[in-house]
Amino acid sequence: MDAEELTIRKKIISLHKKGKSTRDIAYLLDVSKSKAAYWVKRYKENKSLRNKPRSGKPSKLNKAELNSLKEALLDFPPARYGGESLGWTTKMAIDYVKRQFGITYSMRRMQELFHKFSIELITPRPEHAKASHAARVVYRMDFKKNSKKNIWVAPSLISTK
């Protein structure tokens, strides 16, 4: 929690102790009426202005490991089908994380990480009339004929012309 938020909460309580209504407090401090009422009620119950501990399972990877995973997924497309690939499949990324960090992720969690890292899912489709010839050639070389596999690609690798 940052210091600015804590000072606003302290001001809400001090104004309440001086007899101000939550509507007046909200107007004076330029916060919502519900926020002022919430912190007054919470202070009366707990005598605390700190955030409650968050629930949920902690991440398997720490922030430094997540950053290195993000860099790897964005910068280094894996080798696939005997050559360089355009992007990652979910299974390939799970194997990479298992080899690098010794952690096993589910398919869905890996997909959530792809979304978090702004890596986009592309699916093999028939040619589009407006697609560039160069993009089609690269696309065809990267996929097997009639491939049904989806891959995750960094936005910088997608050719739009």
Foldseek 3Di string as FASTA:
>chain_A
DDPVQLVLLVQLQVVVVVPDQLVVSCVVSVHDSVVSVVSNVVCVVPVDDDDDDDDDDDDPDDPVVLVVLLCCQAPAADQDPNGGAQHAFLVRSQVVCCVPPVDGDDSVVSVVSLVVSVWAKDFDDPDDPPDDPVQVVNVPVRDDVPDGTIGTHHPVSDDPD
